[in-house]
Structure formats: C-alpha cells, structure tokens
Amino acid sequence: MKIKWKTRDGGWNPYIAGGLAGILAVVSAFATTRLLGDTSYLGASTTFVRFAGFLQSLVAAERVELNEYFERTGVIVNWQFMLVIGIFLGALISSLTDKSFRLEKVPPLWSEYVGTSIFKRALWAFTGGIVAMIGARMASGCPSGHGLSGTMQLSVSAFVALAMFFGCGLIVANLFYRKRTGKITINNGGGKG
C-alpha cells in the first residue's frame, strides 16, 4: 500500500496531518507535565485571554493588576502563546508550499451564499470570534484543547464539549449555507472527482 502525501487538489494528506497533530499532542502533554511540571495541555483559548490582558496592560496596567483572573494566571508569554504563533506560521508555510495561499476580501463560498459585502463578512467574523471565545471559556477549553488533549485523556467533559462544538458548527453551517432550495450543496472548489 502506497501512502499519498498530497490530495488530488495538492493539499496535505489529512491522515498524515492528523497523525502529526496526534504526535504533537502526546509530546506536548509529556513535555508540559513531566518536564515543566505544568498541568496545562495543548490548547489555545487561554492564550487569547492572556494576550488581551497583555494588550490591556499597555494602556491600563492597574486594571489588569486588579483583575482576579489575571492575579491567578498572570499575563505571561508561555509555550501555548508560542503554539498559537506556530499555528499561524505553520498554516502560512503550508499554504505557500502547496500553492493554495491567496488573499481574499470575501471567500468564494461566503460570497455565493451570503453576499459580497466586506463589512458584513467582517462583522460576522468578528461576532463569530467573540461567540467562539465565550463558548471556549464557558467550556473550559477550545476545540483543540478538548479534542486533542481531553479525548487523549478520555475525559467525559471533553467528549461532551467536542460533540457540542461539532453539533453547533453543523447547525450554524446549515443556517448560513442553505440555498433557497432548502438543501445544502457546498462546492469546496477542490480537486476533480
């Protein structure tokens, strides 16, 4: 059996990418718990909260110092912060190597189903980000934290949170990308066949 490193449309093989993500999760769990003595696992939502605290400390340091959450956790640049930067850089490098990188004001799928307004797209993206961050904080973690680290530990709460993430994602995608015919027909613009 021959392993295909690329998909038909030139993208990375999802099985290889998933396997590499799994290896990263195991290595990060080992490194953080055994080597650093920390109890935090692979995840990203806490990083965004800490980054917001860092930005706020630049203009109103006294408010950050009085914040109960930041008193407990601190406003630090740690390995999770570097992970988030690595996610961005990895995605950029990946899209450059498979030649799929492009700048878009409005993605084609959004344009086809919702419209071409840049303001509307930006407003929905910003609102979606806020909702996703509030949800991640309420669930005590983001999809990567629950999906990779939590399920790796067979955590019941991680499986419940992951099911909710996917379930809500399907509902929202259904609402946004349903054509007037009442059926969802998504063309990802990918390869042939």
C-alpha atoms as a PDB file:
ATOM      1  CA  MET A   1       0.000   0.000   0.000  1.00  0.00           C
ATOM      2  CA  LYS A   2       1.435   3.333  -1.080  1.00  0.00           C
ATOM      3  CA  ILE A   3       0.856   6.436   1.084  1.00  0.00           C
ATOM      4  CA  LYS A   4      -0.150   9.520  -0.860  1.00  0.00           C
ATOM      5  CA  TRP A   5       1.440  12.597   0.683  1.00  0.00           C
ATOM      6  CA  LYS A   6      -0.837  15.011  -1.170  1.00  0.00           C
ATOM      7  CA  THR A   7      -4.531  15.075  -2.014  1.00  0.00           C
ATOM      8  CA  ARG A   8      -5.790  15.430  -5.591  1.00  0.00           C
ATOM      9  CA  ASP A   9      -6.062  19.185  -5.248  1.00  0.00           C
ATOM     10  CA  GLY A  10      -2.475  19.473  -3.930  1.00  0.00           C
ATOM     11  CA  GLY A  11      -3.345  19.742  -0.234  1.00  0.00           C
ATOM     12  CA  TRP A  12      -1.754  17.755   2.571  1.00  0.00           C
ATOM     13  CA  ASN A  13      -2.996  14.230   3.241  1.00  0.00           C
ATOM     14  CA  PRO A  14      -5.437  14.612   6.190  1.00  0.00           C
ATOM     15  CA  TYR A  15      -4.339  11.283   7.712  1.00  0.00           C
ATOM     16  CA  ILE A  16      -0.721  12.364   7.823  1.00  0.00           C
ATOM     17  CA  ALA A  17      -1.620  15.833   9.140  1.00  0.00           C
ATOM     18  CA  GLY A  18      -3.894  14.253  11.771  1.00  0.00           C
ATOM     19  CA  GLY A  19      -1.188  11.800  12.783  1.00  0.00           C
ATOM     20  CA  LEU A  20       1.305  14.632  13.174  1.00  0.00           C
ATOM     21  CA  ALA A  21      -1.208  16.579  15.301  1.00  0.00           C
ATOM     22  CA  GLY A  22      -1.643  13.488  17.492  1.00  0.00           C
ATOM     23  CA  ILE A  23       2.116  13.149  17.925  1.00  0.00           C
ATOM     24  CA  LEU A  24       2.277  16.857  18.828  1.00  0.00           C
ATOM     25  CA  ALA A  25      -0.446  16.348  21.455  1.00  0.00           C
ATOM     26  CA  VAL A  26       1.380  13.420  23.078  1.00  0.00           C
ATOM     27  CA  VAL A  27       4.748  15.195  23.038  1.00  0.00           C
ATOM     28  CA  SER A  28       3.239  18.409  24.442  1.00  0.00           C
ATOM     29  CA  ALA A  29       1.431  16.506  27.218  1.00  0.00           C
ATOM     30  CA  PHE A  30       4.663  14.739  28.158  1.00  0.00           C
ATOM     31  CA  ALA A  31       6.753  17.909  27.954  1.00  0.00           C
ATOM     32  CA  THR A  32       4.382  20.079  29.975  1.00  0.00           C
ATOM     33  CA  THR A  33       3.577  17.556  32.705  1.00  0.00           C
ATOM     34  CA  ARG A  34       6.904  15.725  33.086  1.00  0.00           C
ATOM     35  CA  LEU A  35       9.466  18.309  32.076  1.00  0.00           C
ATOM     36  CA  LEU A  36       7.808  21.600  33.052  1.00  0.00           C
ATOM     37  CA  GLY A  37       5.672  20.298  35.932  1.00  0.00           C
ATOM     38  CA  ASP A  38       2.668  22.133  34.482  1.00  0.00           C
ATOM     39  CA  THR A  39      -0.864  20.788  34.199  1.00  0.00           C
ATOM     40  CA  SER A  40      -1.851  22.630  31.037  1.00  0.00           C
ATOM     41  CA  TYR A  41      -2.182  20.682  27.822  1.00  0.00           C
ATOM     42  CA  LEU A  42      -2.417  21.505  24.145  1.00  0.00           C
ATOM     43  CA  GLY A  43      -4.958  24.284  23.636  1.00  0.00           C
ATOM     44  CA  ALA A  44      -5.238  27.896  22.545  1.00  0.00           C
ATOM     45  CA  SER A  45      -8.179  29.742  24.146  1.00  0.00           C
ATOM     46  CA  THR A  46      -6.297  30.741  27.313  1.00  0.00           C
ATOM     47  CA  THR A  47      -3.597  32.302  25.151  1.00  0.00           C
ATOM     48  CA  PHE A  48      -6.076  34.728  23.579  1.00  0.00           C
ATOM     49  CA  VAL A  49      -7.340  35.795  27.009  1.00  0.00           C
ATOM     50  CA  ARG A  50      -3.790  36.327  28.245  1.00  0.00           C
ATOM     51  CA  PHE A  51      -2.936  38.259  25.076  1.00  0.00           C
ATOM     52  CA  ALA A  52      -5.966  40.503  25.681  1.00  0.00           C
ATOM     53  CA  GLY A  53      -4.659  41.061  29.209  1.00  0.00           C
ATOM     54  CA  PHE A  54      -1.231  41.887  27.795  1.00  0.00           C
ATOM     55  CA  LEU A  55      -2.726  44.451  25.391  1.00  0.00           C
ATOM     56  CA  GLN A  56      -4.822  45.949  28.187  1.00  0.00           C
ATOM     57  CA  SER A  57      -1.742  46.205  30.429  1.00  0.00           C
ATOM     58  CA  LEU A  58      -0.168  48.516  27.840  1.00  0.00           C
ATOM     59  CA  VAL A  59      -2.925  51.110  28.272  1.00  0.00           C
ATOM     60  CA  ALA A  60      -4.416  50.347  31.710  1.00  0.00           C
ATOM     61  CA  ALA A  61      -1.953  48.278  33.743  1.00  0.00           C
ATOM     62  CA  GLU A  62      -3.755  48.997  37.026  1.00  0.00           C
ATOM     63  CA  ARG A  63      -6.952  47.344  35.750  1.00  0.00           C
ATOM     64  CA  VAL A  64      -5.048  44.182  34.843  1.00  0.00           C
ATOM     65  CA  GLU A  65      -3.378  44.114  38.256  1.00  0.00           C
ATOM     66  CA  LEU A  66      -6.795  44.313  39.959  1.00  0.00           C
ATOM     67  CA  ASN A  67      -8.341  41.623  37.741  1.00  0.00           C
ATOM     68  CA  GLU A  68      -8.964  38.461  39.786  1.00  0.00           C
ATOM     69  CA  TYR A  69      -8.377  36.156  36.806  1.00  0.00           C
ATOM     70  CA  PHE A  70      -5.018  37.688  35.918  1.00  0.00           C
ATOM     71  CA  GLU A  71      -3.977  37.633  39.580  1.00  0.00           C
ATOM     72  CA  ARG A  72      -4.339  33.827  39.459  1.00  0.00           C
ATOM     73  CA  THR A  73      -2.991  33.093  35.979  1.00  0.00           C
ATOM     74  CA  GLY A  74      -0.748  36.031  35.232  1.00  0.00           C
ATOM     75  CA  VAL A  75      -0.213  37.747  31.898  1.00  0.00           C
ATOM     76  CA  ILE A  76       2.613  35.650  30.521  1.00  0.00           C
ATOM     77  CA  VAL A  77       4.095  34.615  27.203  1.00  0.00           C
ATOM     78  CA  ASN A  78       4.462  30.848  27.553  1.00  0.00           C
ATOM     79  CA  TRP A  79       4.684  27.782  25.302  1.00  0.00           C
ATOM     80  CA  GLN A  80       0.944  27.992  24.489  1.00  0.00           C
ATOM     81  CA  PHE A  81       1.430  31.535  23.213  1.00  0.00           C
ATOM     82  CA  MET A  82       4.266  30.273  21.020  1.00  0.00           C
ATOM     83  CA  LEU A  83       1.981  27.429  19.862  1.00  0.00           C
ATOM     84  CA  VAL A  84      -0.613  29.936  18.608  1.00  0.00           C
ATOM     85  CA  ILE A  85       2.087  31.826  16.712  1.00  0.00           C
ATOM     86  CA  GLY A  86       3.282  28.473  15.345  1.00  0.00           C
ATOM     87  CA  ILE A  87      -0.233  27.591  14.193  1.00  0.00           C
ATOM     88  CA  PHE A  88      -0.372  30.807  12.173  1.00  0.00           C
ATOM     89  CA  LEU A  89       3.129  30.359  10.738  1.00  0.00           C
ATOM     90  CA  GLY A  90       2.531  26.652  10.035  1.00  0.00           C
ATOM     91  CA  ALA A  91      -0.685  27.421   8.167  1.00  0.00           C
ATOM     92  CA  LEU A  92       1.098  30.133   6.192  1.00  0.00           C
ATOM     93  CA  ILE A  93       4.010  27.847   5.283  1.00  0.00           C
ATOM     94  CA  SER A  94       1.613  25.013   4.414  1.00  0.00           C
ATOM     95  CA  SER A  95      -0.463  27.198   2.108  1.00  0.00           C
ATOM     96  CA  LEU A  96       2.668  28.584   0.458  1.00  0.00           C
ATOM     97  CA  THR A  97       4.182  25.127  -0.123  1.00  0.00           C
ATOM     98  CA  ASP A  98       1.015  23.674  -1.669  1.00  0.00           C
ATOM     99  CA  LYS A  99       0.416  26.928  -3.584  1.00  0.00           C
ATOM    100  CA  SER A 100      -3.072  27.459  -2.133  1.00  0.00           C
ATOM    101  CA  PHE A 101      -2.263  30.814  -0.471  1.00  0.00           C
ATOM    102  CA  ARG A 102      -4.339  33.747  -1.667  1.00  0.00           C
ATOM    103  CA  LEU A 103      -5.626  36.977  -0.205  1.00  0.00           C
ATOM    104  CA  GLU A 104      -9.399  37.235  -0.276  1.00  0.00           C
ATOM    105  CA  LYS A 105     -11.626  40.049   0.875  1.00  0.00           C
ATOM    106  CA  VAL A 106     -14.623  37.704   0.889  1.00  0.00           C
ATOM    107  CA  PRO A 107     -14.199  33.924   0.450  1.00  0.00           C
ATOM    108  CA  PRO A 108     -15.979  32.482  -2.600  1.00  0.00           C
ATOM    109  CA  LEU A 109     -18.286  30.231  -0.559  1.00  0.00           C
ATOM    110  CA  TRP A 110     -19.402  33.155   1.623  1.00  0.00           C
ATOM    111  CA  SER A 111     -19.866  35.322  -1.458  1.00  0.00           C
ATOM    112  CA  GLU A 112     -22.010  32.665  -3.122  1.00  0.00           C
ATOM    113  CA  TYR A 113     -24.325  32.095  -0.171  1.00  0.00           C
ATOM    114  CA  VAL A 114     -24.332  35.333   1.839  1.00  0.00           C
ATOM    115  CA  GLY A 115     -23.105  38.135  -0.416  1.00  0.00           C
ATOM    116  CA  THR A 116     -20.047  40.160  -1.341  1.00  0.00           C
ATOM    117  CA  SER A 117     -20.184  42.847   1.362  1.00  0.00           C
ATOM    118  CA  ILE A 118     -16.774  43.121   3.054  1.00  0.00           C
ATOM    119  CA  PHE A 119     -18.322  44.914   6.041  1.00  0.00           C
ATOM    120  CA  LYS A 120     -20.937  42.184   6.524  1.00  0.00           C
ATOM    121  CA  ARG A 121     -18.273  39.458   6.308  1.00  0.00           C
ATOM    122  CA  ALA A 122     -16.007  41.275   8.789  1.00  0.00           C
ATOM    123  CA  LEU A 123     -18.908  41.879  11.189  1.00  0.00           C
ATOM    124  CA  TRP A 124     -19.945  38.205  11.127  1.00  0.00           C
ATOM    125  CA  ALA A 125     -16.327  37.038  11.507  1.00  0.00           C
ATOM    126  CA  PHE A 126     -15.780  39.344  14.491  1.00  0.00           C
ATOM    127  CA  THR A 127     -19.095  38.334  16.094  1.00  0.00           C
ATOM    128  CA  GLY A 128     -18.349  34.659  15.472  1.00  0.00           C
ATOM    129  CA  GLY A 129     -14.948  35.058  17.104  1.00  0.00           C
ATOM    130  CA  ILE A 130     -16.498  36.621  20.191  1.00  0.00           C
ATOM    131  CA  VAL A 131     -19.129  33.876  20.446  1.00  0.00           C
ATOM    132  CA  ALA A 132     -16.481  31.175  19.941  1.00  0.00           C
ATOM    133  CA  MET A 133     -14.233  32.668  22.633  1.00  0.00           C
ATOM    134  CA  ILE A 134     -17.082  32.994  25.135  1.00  0.00           C
ATOM    135  CA  GLY A 135     -18.074  29.397  24.379  1.00  0.00           C
ATOM    136  CA  ALA A 136     -14.492  28.180  24.787  1.00  0.00           C
ATOM    137  CA  ARG A 137     -14.195  29.945  28.145  1.00  0.00           C
ATOM    138  CA  MET A 138     -17.557  28.517  29.306  1.00  0.00           C
ATOM    139  CA  ALA A 139     -16.485  25.011  28.196  1.00  0.00           C
ATOM    140  CA  SER A 140     -13.127  25.427  29.966  1.00  0.00           C
ATOM    141  CA  GLY A 141     -11.262  24.990  26.711  1.00  0.00           C
ATOM    142  CA  CYS A 142     -11.266  25.303  22.973  1.00  0.00           C
ATOM    143  CA  PRO A 143     -11.883  22.572  20.389  1.00  0.00           C
ATOM    144  CA  SER A 144      -8.162  21.815  20.159  1.00  0.00           C
ATOM    145  CA  GLY A 145      -7.874  21.577  23.936  1.00  0.00           C
ATOM    146  CA  HIS A 146     -10.885  19.310  24.320  1.00  0.00           C
ATOM    147  CA  GLY A 147     -10.494  17.494  21.013  1.00  0.00           C
ATOM    148  CA  LEU A 148      -6.813  16.652  21.280  1.00  0.00           C
ATOM    149  CA  SER A 149      -5.840  16.847  24.936  1.00  0.00           C
ATOM    150  CA  GLY A 150      -9.157  15.984  26.552  1.00  0.00           C
ATOM    151  CA  THR A 151     -10.029  12.992  24.398  1.00  0.00           C
ATOM    152  CA  MET A 152      -6.455  11.743  24.721  1.00  0.00           C
ATOM    153  CA  GLN A 153      -7.135  11.540  28.473  1.00  0.00           C
ATOM    154  CA  LEU A 154     -10.601  10.004  27.853  1.00  0.00           C
ATOM    155  CA  SER A 155     -12.217  12.930  29.639  1.00  0.00           C
ATOM    156  CA  VAL A 156     -16.022  12.720  29.546  1.00  0.00           C
ATOM    157  CA  SER A 157     -16.333  16.516  29.580  1.00  0.00           C
ATOM    158  CA  ALA A 158     -14.029  16.702  26.549  1.00  0.00           C
ATOM    159  CA  PHE A 159     -16.215  14.303  24.564  1.00  0.00           C
ATOM    160  CA  VAL A 160     -19.340  16.279  25.526  1.00  0.00           C
ATOM    161  CA  ALA A 161     -17.710  19.614  24.639  1.00  0.00           C
ATOM    162  CA  LEU A 162     -16.387  18.232  21.353  1.00  0.00           C
ATOM    163  CA  ALA A 163     -19.833  16.909  20.416  1.00  0.00           C
ATOM    164  CA  MET A 164     -21.303  20.343  21.184  1.00  0.00           C
ATOM    165  CA  PHE A 165     -18.639  22.128  19.107  1.00  0.00           C
ATOM    166  CA  PHE A 166     -19.354  19.934  16.087  1.00  0.00           C
ATOM    167  CA  GLY A 167     -23.131  19.899  16.602  1.00  0.00           C
ATOM    168  CA  CYS A 168     -23.364  23.680  16.848  1.00  0.00           C
ATOM    169  CA  GLY A 169     -20.991  24.041  13.898  1.00  0.00           C
ATOM    170  CA  LEU A 170     -23.245  21.861  11.764  1.00  0.00           C
ATOM    171  CA  ILE A 171     -26.321  23.855  12.766  1.00  0.00           C
ATOM    172  CA  VAL A 172     -24.680  27.214  12.017  1.00  0.00           C
ATOM    173  CA  ALA A 173     -23.249  25.967   8.698  1.00  0.00           C
ATOM    174  CA  ASN A 174     -26.696  24.665   7.819  1.00  0.00           C
ATOM    175  CA  LEU A 175     -28.250  28.065   8.522  1.00  0.00           C
ATOM    176  CA  PHE A 176     -25.613  30.039   6.616  1.00  0.00           C
ATOM    177  CA  TYR A 177     -25.019  27.842   3.613  1.00  0.00           C
ATOM    178  CA  ARG A 178     -28.505  26.571   2.850  1.00  0.00           C
ATOM    179  CA  LYS A 179     -29.605  27.576  -0.615  1.00  0.00           C
ATOM    180  CA  ARG A 180     -33.175  28.643  -1.244  1.00  0.00           C
ATOM    181  CA  THR A 181     -33.937  25.107  -2.397  1.00  0.00           C
ATOM    182  CA  GLY A 182     -33.660  24.007   1.222  1.00  0.00           C
ATOM    183  CA  LYS A 183     -30.695  21.688   0.577  1.00  0.00           C
ATOM    184  CA  ILE A 184     -27.060  22.241   1.402  1.00  0.00           C
ATOM    185  CA  THR A 185     -24.782  21.986  -1.624  1.00  0.00           C
ATOM    186  CA  ILE A 186     -21.238  23.001  -0.821  1.00  0.00           C
ATOM    187  CA  ASN A 187     -18.617  23.056  -3.541  1.00  0.00           C
ATOM    188  CA  ASN A 188     -15.251  23.431  -1.831  1.00  0.00           C
ATOM    189  CA  GLY A 189     -13.538  24.367  -5.075  1.00  0.00           C
ATOM    190  CA  GLY A 190     -11.216  21.411  -4.595  1.00  0.00           C
ATOM    191  CA  GLY A 191      -9.872  18.846  -6.989  1.00  0.00           C
ATOM    192  CA  LYS A 192     -11.581  16.892  -9.718  1.00  0.00           C
ATOM    193  CA  GLY A 193     -13.693  13.820  -8.988  1.00  0.00           C
END
